[in-house]
Structures are given as structure tokens and as C-alpha cells.
Amino acid sequence: YSYGFYLGIAFQIADDVLDFVGTGEELGKPIGQDLREGNLTAPVILCLNGNEDLGMAPAPGAEELARLIRRRFADEGDLERALVLIHEGGGVERAYRLAEKMADK
């Protein structure tokens, strides 16, 4: 049970990362679609909150990212700015570290 549970979490996190690193053609949907729909996935959550177990503080720009999310990307360019903040905050790398930790369990 534990093996499947943690491997499933690792797989889901890796899938979450695709929303930020894949192409629209590969994914069958535009980059950032999960975020646009209000689905906060591992790269976003780890940028916003960090992760104490992994020794991660919130990413630089976390407060601005939170504001963009709270207002649901209402202004033109908000989603694009959020994607930049996640990229600059190392959201993908943070998520991969968490996925690796889950897979190791």
C-alpha cells in the first residue's frame, strides 16, 4: 500500500510539472491551463509556501504570485506574470525534489 501511495504521489507531481514545461502540442492543452483554471499544483504550492521538510522557504515573488491567484488573473498579462514567477521561483525544480522524496519513500 505505502509503495503504491508514494509512487502515485510522485507520479502526480511529475504530471503537475508538465503544465509548466511541456508544450501545448504535447499536452493537448495550453501551458498553464491548470493554473488558469484555479488548480494549484505542486510547483505553485511549493513556490507559495515552500516546504519545511525539504528546507525550502517560499520563493521570491510568492506574495505577488498569491495576489495574482487571489484575483484569478483578472488583468491582462496576469497569468503570464504568474508563470514567470513560478519559473523564476524554481517551481519545477522544487516539485521534482518533492517527487523524488515521495518516490524514495
PDB file of N, CA and C in Angstrom:
ATOM      1  N   TYR A   1       0.821  -1.193   0.000  1.00  0.00           N
ATOM      2  CA  TYR A   1       0.000   0.000   0.000  1.00  0.00           C
ATOM      3  C   TYR A   1       0.867   1.260   0.000  1.00  0.00           C
ATOM      4  N   SER A   2       1.828   1.332   0.915  1.00  0.00           N
ATOM      5  CA  SER A   2       2.690   2.518   1.023  1.00  0.00           C
ATOM      6  C   SER A   2       3.470   2.760  -0.257  1.00  0.00           C
ATOM      7  N   TYR A   3       4.007   1.673  -0.814  1.00  0.00           N
ATOM      8  CA  TYR A   3       4.759   1.796  -2.062  1.00  0.00           C
ATOM      9  C   TYR A   3       3.903   2.449  -3.143  1.00  0.00           C
ATOM     10  N   GLY A   4       2.717   1.944  -3.352  1.00  0.00           N
ATOM     11  CA  GLY A   4       1.816   2.481  -4.370  1.00  0.00           C
ATOM     12  C   GLY A   4       1.384   3.900  -4.068  1.00  0.00           C
ATOM     13  N   PHE A   5       1.129   4.177  -2.802  1.00  0.00           N
ATOM     14  CA  PHE A   5       0.702   5.507  -2.390  1.00  0.00           C
ATOM     15  C   PHE A   5       1.773   6.546  -2.735  1.00  0.00           C
ATOM     16  N   TYR A   6       2.997   6.319  -2.279  1.00  0.00           N
ATOM     17  CA  TYR A   6       4.058   7.304  -2.505  1.00  0.00           C
ATOM     18  C   TYR A   6       4.477   7.379  -3.969  1.00  0.00           C
ATOM     19  N   LEU A   7       4.475   6.259  -4.657  1.00  0.00           N
ATOM     20  CA  LEU A   7       4.793   6.285  -6.076  1.00  0.00           C
ATOM     21  C   LEU A   7       3.711   7.040  -6.847  1.00  0.00           C
ATOM     22  N   GLY A   8       2.458   6.876  -6.440  1.00  0.00           N
ATOM     23  CA  GLY A   8       1.360   7.616  -7.066  1.00  0.00           C
ATOM     24  C   GLY A   8       1.484   9.115  -6.855  1.00  0.00           C
ATOM     25  N   ILE A   9       1.880   9.509  -5.652  1.00  0.00           N
ATOM     26  CA  ILE A   9       2.094  10.936  -5.383  1.00  0.00           C
ATOM     27  C   ILE A   9       3.225  11.461  -6.249  1.00  0.00           C
ATOM     28  N   ALA A  10       4.318  10.711  -6.332  1.00  0.00           N
ATOM     29  CA  ALA A  10       5.455  11.137  -7.159  1.00  0.00           C
ATOM     30  C   ALA A  10       5.026  11.289  -8.611  1.00  0.00           C
ATOM     31  N   PHE A  11       4.224  10.350  -9.096  1.00  0.00           N
ATOM     32  CA  PHE A  11       3.743  10.416 -10.478  1.00  0.00           C
ATOM     33  C   PHE A  11       2.870  11.662 -10.680  1.00  0.00           C
ATOM     34  N   GLN A  12       1.978  11.939  -9.741  1.00  0.00           N
ATOM     35  CA  GLN A  12       1.096  13.104  -9.863  1.00  0.00           C
ATOM     36  C   GLN A  12       1.895  14.403  -9.873  1.00  0.00           C
ATOM     37  N   ILE A  13       2.907  14.487  -9.031  1.00  0.00           N
ATOM     38  CA  ILE A  13       3.745  15.688  -9.006  1.00  0.00           C
ATOM     39  C   ILE A  13       4.461  15.848 -10.341  1.00  0.00           C
ATOM     40  N   ALA A  14       4.996  14.761 -10.873  1.00  0.00           N
ATOM     41  CA  ALA A  14       5.657  14.827 -12.180  1.00  0.00           C
ATOM     42  C   ALA A  14       4.664  15.279 -13.254  1.00  0.00           C
ATOM     43  N   ASP A  15       3.435  14.800 -13.167  1.00  0.00           N
ATOM     44  CA  ASP A  15       2.399  15.228 -14.098  1.00  0.00           C
ATOM     45  C   ASP A  15       2.097  16.723 -13.935  1.00  0.00           C
ATOM     46  N   ASP A  16       2.076  17.188 -12.683  1.00  0.00           N
ATOM     47  CA  ASP A  16       1.849  18.615 -12.420  1.00  0.00           C
ATOM     48  C   ASP A  16       2.898  19.476 -13.111  1.00  0.00           C
ATOM     49  N   VAL A  17       4.120  19.010 -13.115  1.00  0.00           N
ATOM     50  CA  VAL A  17       5.232  19.759 -13.713  1.00  0.00           C
ATOM     51  C   VAL A  17       5.015  19.955 -15.211  1.00  0.00           C
ATOM     52  N   LEU A  18       4.393  18.986 -15.858  1.00  0.00           N
ATOM     53  CA  LEU A  18       4.178  19.086 -17.305  1.00  0.00           C
ATOM     54  C   LEU A  18       3.403  20.341 -17.689  1.00  0.00           C
ATOM     55  N   ASP A  19       2.556  20.832 -16.811  1.00  0.00           N
ATOM     56  CA  ASP A  19       1.780  22.041 -17.102  1.00  0.00           C
ATOM     57  C   ASP A  19       2.692  23.266 -17.248  1.00  0.00           C
ATOM     58  N   PHE A  20       3.943  23.130 -16.798  1.00  0.00           N
ATOM     59  CA  PHE A  20       4.878  24.253 -16.847  1.00  0.00           C
ATOM     60  C   PHE A  20       6.037  24.033 -17.808  1.00  0.00           C
ATOM     61  N   VAL A  21       6.306  22.788 -18.186  1.00  0.00           N
ATOM     62  CA  VAL A  21       7.467  22.530 -19.034  1.00  0.00           C
ATOM     63  C   VAL A  21       7.118  21.905 -20.382  1.00  0.00           C
ATOM     64  N   GLY A  22       5.945  21.343 -20.508  1.00  0.00           N
ATOM     65  CA  GLY A  22       5.545  20.733 -21.769  1.00  0.00           C
ATOM     66  C   GLY A  22       5.149  21.804 -22.775  1.00  0.00           C
ATOM     67  N   THR A  23       4.863  21.376 -23.962  1.00  0.00           N
ATOM     68  CA  THR A  23       4.344  22.301 -24.964  1.00  0.00           C
ATOM     69  C   THR A  23       2.852  22.051 -25.110  1.00  0.00           C
ATOM     70  N   GLY A  24       2.164  23.026 -25.647  1.00  0.00           N
ATOM     71  CA  GLY A  24       0.735  22.876 -25.870  1.00  0.00           C
ATOM     72  C   GLY A  24       0.411  21.667 -26.720  1.00  0.00           C
ATOM     73  N   GLU A  25       1.263  21.403 -27.715  1.00  0.00           N
ATOM     74  CA  GLU A  25       1.038  20.251 -28.586  1.00  0.00           C
ATOM     75  C   GLU A  25       1.219  18.941 -27.831  1.00  0.00           C
ATOM     76  N   GLU A  26       2.243  18.871 -26.981  1.00  0.00           N
ATOM     77  CA  GLU A  26       2.484  17.656 -26.213  1.00  0.00           C
ATOM     78  C   GLU A  26       1.370  17.386 -25.215  1.00  0.00           C
ATOM     79  N   LEU A  27       0.894  18.439 -24.582  1.00  0.00           N
ATOM     80  CA  LEU A  27      -0.087  18.292 -23.520  1.00  0.00           C
ATOM     81  C   LEU A  27      -1.512  18.191 -24.029  1.00  0.00           C
ATOM     82  N   GLY A  28      -1.754  18.742 -25.192  1.00  0.00           N
ATOM     83  CA  GLY A  28      -3.114  18.806 -25.693  1.00  0.00           C
ATOM     84  C   GLY A  28      -3.908  19.928 -25.051  1.00  0.00           C
ATOM     85  N   LYS A  29      -3.204  20.817 -24.354  1.00  0.00           N
ATOM     86  CA  LYS A  29      -3.827  21.981 -23.724  1.00  0.00           C
ATOM     87  C   LYS A  29      -2.744  23.043 -23.581  1.00  0.00           C
ATOM     88  N   PRO A  30      -3.136  24.303 -23.438  1.00  0.00           N
ATOM     89  CA  PRO A  30      -2.135  25.368 -23.322  1.00  0.00           C
ATOM     90  C   PRO A  30      -1.324  25.263 -22.031  1.00  0.00           C
ATOM     91  N   ILE A  31      -0.087  25.744 -22.090  1.00  0.00           N
ATOM     92  CA  ILE A  31       0.759  25.804 -20.898  1.00  0.00           C
ATOM     93  C   ILE A  31       0.040  26.662 -19.852  1.00  0.00           C
ATOM     94  N   GLY A  32       0.087  26.227 -18.610  1.00  0.00           N
ATOM     95  CA  GLY A  32      -0.535  26.973 -17.524  1.00  0.00           C
ATOM     96  C   GLY A  32      -2.033  26.787 -17.403  1.00  0.00           C
ATOM     97  N   GLN A  33      -2.586  25.830 -18.121  1.00  0.00           N
ATOM     98  CA  GLN A  33      -4.038  25.622 -18.107  1.00  0.00           C
ATOM     99  C   GLN A  33      -4.554  25.266 -16.711  1.00  0.00           C
ATOM    100  N   ASP A  34      -3.819  24.410 -16.009  1.00  0.00           N
ATOM    101  CA  ASP A  34      -4.254  24.045 -14.647  1.00  0.00           C
ATOM    102  C   ASP A  34      -4.334  25.292 -13.773  1.00  0.00           C
ATOM    103  N   LEU A  35      -3.314  26.113 -13.853  1.00  0.00           N
ATOM    104  CA  LEU A  35      -3.284  27.340 -13.059  1.00  0.00           C
ATOM    105  C   LEU A  35      -4.416  28.280 -13.469  1.00  0.00           C
ATOM    106  N   ARG A  36      -4.616  28.426 -14.746  1.00  0.00           N
ATOM    107  CA  ARG A  36      -5.689  29.283 -15.267  1.00  0.00           C
ATOM    108  C   ARG A  36      -7.048  28.856 -14.719  1.00  0.00           C
ATOM    109  N   GLU A  37      -7.232  27.548 -14.565  1.00  0.00           N
ATOM    110  CA  GLU A  37      -8.494  27.002 -14.066  1.00  0.00           C
ATOM    111  C   GLU A  37      -8.594  27.041 -12.542  1.00  0.00           C
ATOM    112  N   GLY A  38      -7.537  27.524 -11.889  1.00  0.00           N
ATOM    113  CA  GLY A  38      -7.558  27.628 -10.438  1.00  0.00           C
ATOM    114  C   GLY A  38      -7.050  26.400  -9.707  1.00  0.00           C
ATOM    115  N   ASN A  39      -6.463  25.462 -10.441  1.00  0.00           N
ATOM    116  CA  ASN A  39      -5.901  24.257  -9.825  1.00  0.00           C
ATOM    117  C   ASN A  39      -4.464  24.544  -9.403  1.00  0.00           C
ATOM    118  N   LEU A  40      -4.243  24.625  -8.109  1.00  0.00           N
ATOM    119  CA  LEU A  40      -2.910  24.905  -7.590  1.00  0.00           C
ATOM    120  C   LEU A  40      -2.169  23.586  -7.427  1.00  0.00           C
ATOM    121  N   THR A  41      -1.191  23.376  -8.270  1.00  0.00           N
ATOM    122  CA  THR A  41      -0.431  22.131  -8.280  1.00  0.00           C
ATOM    123  C   THR A  41       0.888  22.317  -7.537  1.00  0.00           C
ATOM    124  N   ALA A  42       1.654  21.240  -7.426  1.00  0.00           N
ATOM    125  CA  ALA A  42       2.881  21.239  -6.623  1.00  0.00           C
ATOM    126  C   ALA A  42       3.835  22.397  -6.950  1.00  0.00           C
ATOM    127  N   PRO A  43       4.149  22.691  -8.210  1.00  0.00           N
ATOM    128  CA  PRO A  43       5.085  23.793  -8.464  1.00  0.00           C
ATOM    129  C   PRO A  43       4.587  25.129  -7.893  1.00  0.00           C
ATOM    130  N   VAL A  44       3.297  25.360  -7.965  1.00  0.00           N
ATOM    131  CA  VAL A  44       2.716  26.609  -7.456  1.00  0.00           C
ATOM    132  C   VAL A  44       2.728  26.609  -5.927  1.00  0.00           C
ATOM    133  N   ILE A  45       2.244  25.533  -5.340  1.00  0.00           N
ATOM    134  CA  ILE A  45       2.158  25.442  -3.884  1.00  0.00           C
ATOM    135  C   ILE A  45       3.533  25.573  -3.248  1.00  0.00           C
ATOM    136  N   LEU A  46       4.525  24.929  -3.844  1.00  0.00           N
ATOM    137  CA  LEU A  46       5.875  24.987  -3.279  1.00  0.00           C
ATOM    138  C   LEU A  46       6.494  26.370  -3.432  1.00  0.00           C
ATOM    139  N   CYS A  47       6.136  27.084  -4.479  1.00  0.00           N
ATOM    140  CA  CYS A  47       6.598  28.477  -4.608  1.00  0.00           C
ATOM    141  C   CYS A  47       5.917  29.358  -3.570  1.00  0.00           C
ATOM    142  N   LEU A  48       4.642  29.144  -3.364  1.00  0.00           N
ATOM    143  CA  LEU A  48       3.890  29.962  -2.412  1.00  0.00           C
ATOM    144  C   LEU A  48       4.301  29.709  -0.967  1.00  0.00           C
ATOM    145  N   ASN A  49       4.459  28.443  -0.606  1.00  0.00           N
ATOM    146  CA  ASN A  49       4.628  28.071   0.794  1.00  0.00           C
ATOM    147  C   ASN A  49       5.983  27.498   1.162  1.00  0.00           C
ATOM    148  N   GLY A  50       6.741  27.055   0.170  1.00  0.00           N
ATOM    149  CA  GLY A  50       7.956  26.328   0.487  1.00  0.00           C
ATOM    150  C   GLY A  50       7.599  24.965   1.042  1.00  0.00           C
ATOM    151  N   ASN A  51       8.581  24.308   1.660  1.00  0.00           N
ATOM    152  CA  ASN A  51       8.358  23.002   2.271  1.00  0.00           C
ATOM    153  C   ASN A  51       9.425  22.806   3.338  1.00  0.00           C
ATOM    154  N   GLU A  52       8.996  22.817   4.575  1.00  0.00           N
ATOM    155  CA  GLU A  52       9.930  22.727   5.696  1.00  0.00           C
ATOM    156  C   GLU A  52      10.761  21.446   5.653  1.00  0.00           C
ATOM    157  N   ASP A  53      10.125  20.314   5.317  1.00  0.00           N
ATOM    158  CA  ASP A  53      10.843  19.034   5.276  1.00  0.00           C
ATOM    159  C   ASP A  53      11.970  19.032   4.248  1.00  0.00           C
ATOM    160  N   LEU A  54      11.801  19.803   3.198  1.00  0.00           N
ATOM    161  CA  LEU A  54      12.827  19.886   2.156  1.00  0.00           C
ATOM    162  C   LEU A  54      13.732  21.097   2.337  1.00  0.00           C
ATOM    163  N   GLY A  55      13.519  21.836   3.411  1.00  0.00           N
ATOM    164  CA  GLY A  55      14.341  23.015   3.671  1.00  0.00           C
ATOM    165  C   GLY A  55      14.089  24.150   2.696  1.00  0.00           C
ATOM    166  N   MET A  56      12.857  24.251   2.212  1.00  0.00           N
ATOM    167  CA  MET A  56      12.500  25.279   1.234  1.00  0.00           C
ATOM    168  C   MET A  56      11.689  26.381   1.889  1.00  0.00           C
ATOM    169  N   ALA A  57      12.128  27.588   1.681  1.00  0.00           N
ATOM    170  CA  ALA A  57      11.344  28.761   2.066  1.00  0.00           C
ATOM    171  C   ALA A  57      10.433  29.108   0.900  1.00  0.00           C
ATOM    172  N   PRO A  58       9.418  29.925   1.126  1.00  0.00           N
ATOM    173  CA  PRO A  58       8.643  30.404  -0.022  1.00  0.00           C
ATOM    174  C   PRO A  58       9.579  31.062  -1.037  1.00  0.00           C
ATOM    175  N   ALA A  59       9.216  30.978  -2.283  1.00  0.00           N
ATOM    176  CA  ALA A  59      10.046  31.530  -3.355  1.00  0.00           C
ATOM    177  C   ALA A  59       9.985  33.058  -3.344  1.00  0.00           C
ATOM    178  N   PRO A  60      11.046  33.688  -3.838  1.00  0.00           N
ATOM    179  CA  PRO A  60      10.938  35.131  -4.061  1.00  0.00           C
ATOM    180  C   PRO A  60       9.743  35.365  -5.000  1.00  0.00           C
ATOM    181  N   GLY A  61       8.987  36.354  -4.736  1.00  0.00           N
ATOM    182  CA  GLY A  61       7.815  36.621  -5.566  1.00  0.00           C
ATOM    183  C   GLY A  61       6.568  35.887  -5.113  1.00  0.00           C
ATOM    184  N   ALA A  62       6.640  35.163  -3.992  1.00  0.00           N
ATOM    185  CA  ALA A  62       5.485  34.390  -3.522  1.00  0.00           C
ATOM    186  C   ALA A  62       4.293  35.287  -3.217  1.00  0.00           C
ATOM    187  N   GLU A  63       4.546  36.444  -2.629  1.00  0.00           N
ATOM    188  CA  GLU A  63       3.433  37.347  -2.294  1.00  0.00           C
ATOM    189  C   GLU A  63       2.751  37.869  -3.558  1.00  0.00           C
ATOM    190  N   GLU A  64       3.543  38.247  -4.545  1.00  0.00           N
ATOM    191  CA  GLU A  64       2.950  38.710  -5.809  1.00  0.00           C
ATOM    192  C   GLU A  64       2.176  37.583  -6.476  1.00  0.00           C
ATOM    193  N   LEU A  65       2.728  36.385  -6.469  1.00  0.00           N
ATOM    194  CA  LEU A  65       2.043  35.228  -7.049  1.00  0.00           C
ATOM    195  C   LEU A  65       0.710  34.992  -6.346  1.00  0.00           C
ATOM    196  N   ALA A  66       0.702  35.074  -5.033  1.00  0.00           N
ATOM    197  CA  ALA A  66      -0.534  34.889  -4.274  1.00  0.00           C
ATOM    198  C   ALA A  66      -1.580  35.934  -4.660  1.00  0.00           C
ATOM    199  N   ARG A  67      -1.155  37.177  -4.835  1.00  0.00           N
ATOM    200  CA  ARG A  67      -2.101  38.236  -5.244  1.00  0.00           C
ATOM    201  C   ARG A  67      -2.703  37.937  -6.610  1.00  0.00           C
ATOM    202  N   LEU A  68      -1.883  37.492  -7.548  1.00  0.00           N
ATOM    203  CA  LEU A  68      -2.378  37.171  -8.890  1.00  0.00           C
ATOM    204  C   LEU A  68      -3.397  36.039  -8.832  1.00  0.00           C
ATOM    205  N   ILE A  69      -3.115  35.047  -8.019  1.00  0.00           N
ATOM    206  CA  ILE A  69      -4.025  33.906  -7.883  1.00  0.00           C
ATOM    207  C   ILE A  69      -5.329  34.339  -7.224  1.00  0.00           C
ATOM    208  N   ARG A  70      -5.226  35.133  -6.149  1.00  0.00           N
ATOM    209  CA  ARG A  70      -6.443  35.582  -5.448  1.00  0.00           C
ATOM    210  C   ARG A  70      -7.364  36.363  -6.369  1.00  0.00           C
ATOM    211  N   ARG A  71      -6.797  37.162  -7.253  1.00  0.00           N
ATOM    212  CA  ARG A  71      -7.668  37.937  -8.143  1.00  0.00           C
ATOM    213  C   ARG A  71      -8.001  37.172  -9.426  1.00  0.00           C
ATOM    214  N   ARG A  72      -7.612  35.901  -9.459  1.00  0.00           N
ATOM    215  CA  ARG A  72      -7.969  34.984 -10.549  1.00  0.00           C
ATOM    216  C   ARG A  72      -7.527  35.492 -11.916  1.00  0.00           C
ATOM    217  N   PHE A  73      -6.330  36.089 -11.952  1.00  0.00           N
ATOM    218  CA  PHE A  73      -5.721  36.521 -13.210  1.00  0.00           C
ATOM    219  C   PHE A  73      -6.652  37.437 -14.001  1.00  0.00           C
ATOM    220  N   ALA A  74      -7.258  38.370 -13.286  1.00  0.00           N
ATOM    221  CA  ALA A  74      -8.280  39.244 -13.863  1.00  0.00           C
ATOM    222  C   ALA A  74      -7.720  40.222 -14.885  1.00  0.00           C
ATOM    223  N   ASP A  75      -6.484  40.658 -14.699  1.00  0.00           N
ATOM    224  CA  ASP A  75      -5.898  41.644 -15.608  1.00  0.00           C
ATOM    225  C   ASP A  75      -5.109  40.957 -16.706  1.00  0.00           C
ATOM    226  N   GLU A  76      -5.072  41.601 -17.851  1.00  0.00           N
ATOM    227  CA  GLU A  76      -4.303  41.070 -18.967  1.00  0.00           C
ATOM    228  C   GLU A  76      -2.845  40.920 -18.553  1.00  0.00           C
ATOM    229  N   GLY A  77      -2.279  39.785 -18.854  1.00  0.00           N
ATOM    230  CA  GLY A  77      -0.883  39.519 -18.533  1.00  0.00           C
ATOM    231  C   GLY A  77      -0.666  38.889 -17.163  1.00  0.00           C
ATOM    232  N   ASP A  78      -1.720  38.768 -16.354  1.00  0.00           N
ATOM    233  CA  ASP A  78      -1.573  38.191 -15.018  1.00  0.00           C
ATOM    234  C   ASP A  78      -1.091  36.741 -15.063  1.00  0.00           C
ATOM    235  N   LEU A  79      -1.700  35.937 -15.916  1.00  0.00           N
ATOM    236  CA  LEU A  79      -1.305  34.530 -15.982  1.00  0.00           C
ATOM    237  C   LEU A  79       0.144  34.407 -16.439  1.00  0.00           C
ATOM    238  N   GLU A  80       0.511  35.172 -17.439  1.00  0.00           N
ATOM    239  CA  GLU A  80       1.879  35.133 -17.940  1.00  0.00           C
ATOM    240  C   GLU A  80       2.867  35.547 -16.856  1.00  0.00           C
ATOM    241  N   ARG A  81       2.509  36.569 -16.067  1.00  0.00           N
ATOM    242  CA  ARG A  81       3.369  37.006 -14.970  1.00  0.00           C
ATOM    243  C   ARG A  81       3.490  35.913 -13.917  1.00  0.00           C
ATOM    244  N   ALA A  82       2.387  35.245 -13.621  1.00  0.00           N
ATOM    245  CA  ALA A  82       2.419  34.156 -12.651  1.00  0.00           C
ATOM    246  C   ALA A  82       3.345  33.038 -13.123  1.00  0.00           C
ATOM    247  N   LEU A  83       3.279  32.708 -14.397  1.00  0.00           N
ATOM    248  CA  LEU A  83       4.151  31.665 -14.940  1.00  0.00           C
ATOM    249  C   LEU A  83       5.619  32.059 -14.825  1.00  0.00           C
ATOM    250  N   VAL A  84       5.910  33.331 -15.048  1.00  0.00           N
ATOM    251  CA  VAL A  84       7.284  33.818 -14.884  1.00  0.00           C
ATOM    252  C   VAL A  84       7.725  33.685 -13.430  1.00  0.00           C
ATOM    253  N   LEU A  85       6.868  34.084 -12.500  1.00  0.00           N
ATOM    254  CA  LEU A  85       7.207  33.995 -11.074  1.00  0.00           C
ATOM    255  C   LEU A  85       7.457  32.546 -10.649  1.00  0.00           C
ATOM    256  N   ILE A  86       6.671  31.635 -11.167  1.00  0.00           N
ATOM    257  CA  ILE A  86       6.851  30.218 -10.840  1.00  0.00           C
ATOM    258  C   ILE A  86       8.167  29.714 -11.422  1.00  0.00           C
ATOM    259  N   HIS A  87       8.449  30.110 -12.652  1.00  0.00           N
ATOM    260  CA  HIS A  87       9.715  29.720 -13.276  1.00  0.00           C
ATOM    261  C   HIS A  87      10.902  30.295 -12.505  1.00  0.00           C
ATOM    262  N   GLU A  88      10.855  31.592 -12.229  1.00  0.00           N
ATOM    263  CA  GLU A  88      11.957  32.247 -11.520  1.00  0.00           C
ATOM    264  C   GLU A  88      12.088  31.736 -10.082  1.00  0.00           C
ATOM    265  N   GLY A  89      10.981  31.313  -9.487  1.00  0.00           N
ATOM    266  CA  GLY A  89      10.991  30.795  -8.128  1.00  0.00           C
ATOM    267  C   GLY A  89      11.402  29.340  -8.026  1.00  0.00           C
ATOM    268  N   GLY A  90      11.715  28.736  -9.166  1.00  0.00           N
ATOM    269  CA  GLY A  90      12.163  27.345  -9.165  1.00  0.00           C
ATOM    270  C   GLY A  90      11.063  26.347  -8.902  1.00  0.00           C
ATOM    271  N   GLY A  91       9.835  26.677  -9.284  1.00  0.00           N
ATOM    272  CA  GLY A  91       8.701  25.792  -9.024  1.00  0.00           C
ATOM    273  C   GLY A  91       8.884  24.391  -9.566  1.00  0.00           C
ATOM    274  N   VAL A  92       9.412  24.276 -10.766  1.00  0.00           N
ATOM    275  CA  VAL A  92       9.616  22.959 -11.376  1.00  0.00           C
ATOM    276  C   VAL A  92      10.657  22.175 -10.585  1.00  0.00           C
ATOM    277  N   GLU A  93      11.767  22.807 -10.273  1.00  0.00           N
ATOM    278  CA  GLU A  93      12.827  22.134  -9.523  1.00  0.00           C
ATOM    279  C   GLU A  93      12.344  21.738  -8.126  1.00  0.00           C
ATOM    280  N   ARG A  94      11.578  22.629  -7.508  1.00  0.00           N
ATOM    281  CA  ARG A  94      11.027  22.331  -6.191  1.00  0.00           C
ATOM    282  C   ARG A  94      10.125  21.100  -6.252  1.00  0.00           C
ATOM    283  N   ALA A  95       9.273  21.060  -7.261  1.00  0.00           N
ATOM    284  CA  ALA A  95       8.345  19.937  -7.405  1.00  0.00           C
ATOM    285  C   ALA A  95       9.097  18.638  -7.678  1.00  0.00           C
ATOM    286  N   TYR A  96      10.119  18.682  -8.508  1.00  0.00           N
ATOM    287  CA  TYR A  96      10.903  17.478  -8.765  1.00  0.00           C
ATOM    288  C   TYR A  96      11.573  16.970  -7.491  1.00  0.00           C
ATOM    289  N   ARG A  97      12.034  17.874  -6.640  1.00  0.00           N
ATOM    290  CA  ARG A  97      12.643  17.454  -5.362  1.00  0.00           C
ATOM    291  C   ARG A  97      11.612  16.743  -4.490  1.00  0.00           C
ATOM    292  N   LEU A  98      10.400  17.283  -4.458  1.00  0.00           N
ATOM    293  CA  LEU A  98       9.346  16.652  -3.666  1.00  0.00           C
ATOM    294  C   LEU A  98       8.973  15.296  -4.264  1.00  0.00           C
ATOM    295  N   ALA A  99       8.866  15.218  -5.578  1.00  0.00           N
ATOM    296  CA  ALA A  99       8.541  13.940  -6.233  1.00  0.00           C
ATOM    297  C   ALA A  99       9.613  12.904  -5.934  1.00  0.00           C
ATOM    298  N   GLU A 100      10.859  13.321  -5.954  1.00  0.00           N
ATOM    299  CA  GLU A 100      11.946  12.390  -5.649  1.00  0.00           C
ATOM    300  C   GLU A 100      11.841  11.890  -4.202  1.00  0.00           C
ATOM    301  N   LYS A 101      11.520  12.787  -3.296  1.00  0.00           N
ATOM    302  CA  LYS A 101      11.374  12.384  -1.899  1.00  0.00           C
ATOM    303  C   LYS A 101      10.232  11.381  -1.747  1.00  0.00           C
ATOM    304  N   MET A 102       9.119  11.616  -2.424  1.00  0.00           N
ATOM    305  CA  MET A 102       7.991  10.700  -2.354  1.00  0.00           C
ATOM    306  C   MET A 102       8.363   9.352  -2.953  1.00  0.00           C
ATOM    307  N   ALA A 103       9.047   9.357  -4.084  1.00  0.00           N
ATOM    308  CA  ALA A 103       9.433   8.102  -4.728  1.00  0.00           C
ATOM    309  C   ALA A 103      10.415   7.316  -3.866  1.00  0.00           C
ATOM    310  N   ASP A 104      11.293   8.025  -3.173  1.00  0.00           N
ATOM    311  CA  ASP A 104      12.259   7.359  -2.294  1.00  0.00           C
ATOM    312  C   ASP A 104      11.584   6.674  -1.109  1.00  0.00           C
ATOM    313  N   LYS A 105      10.455   7.219  -0.679  1.00  0.00           N
ATOM    314  CA  LYS A 105       9.736   6.616   0.440  1.00  0.00           C
ATOM    315  C   LYS A 105       9.197   5.251   0.045  1.00  0.00           C
TER     316      LYS A 105
END
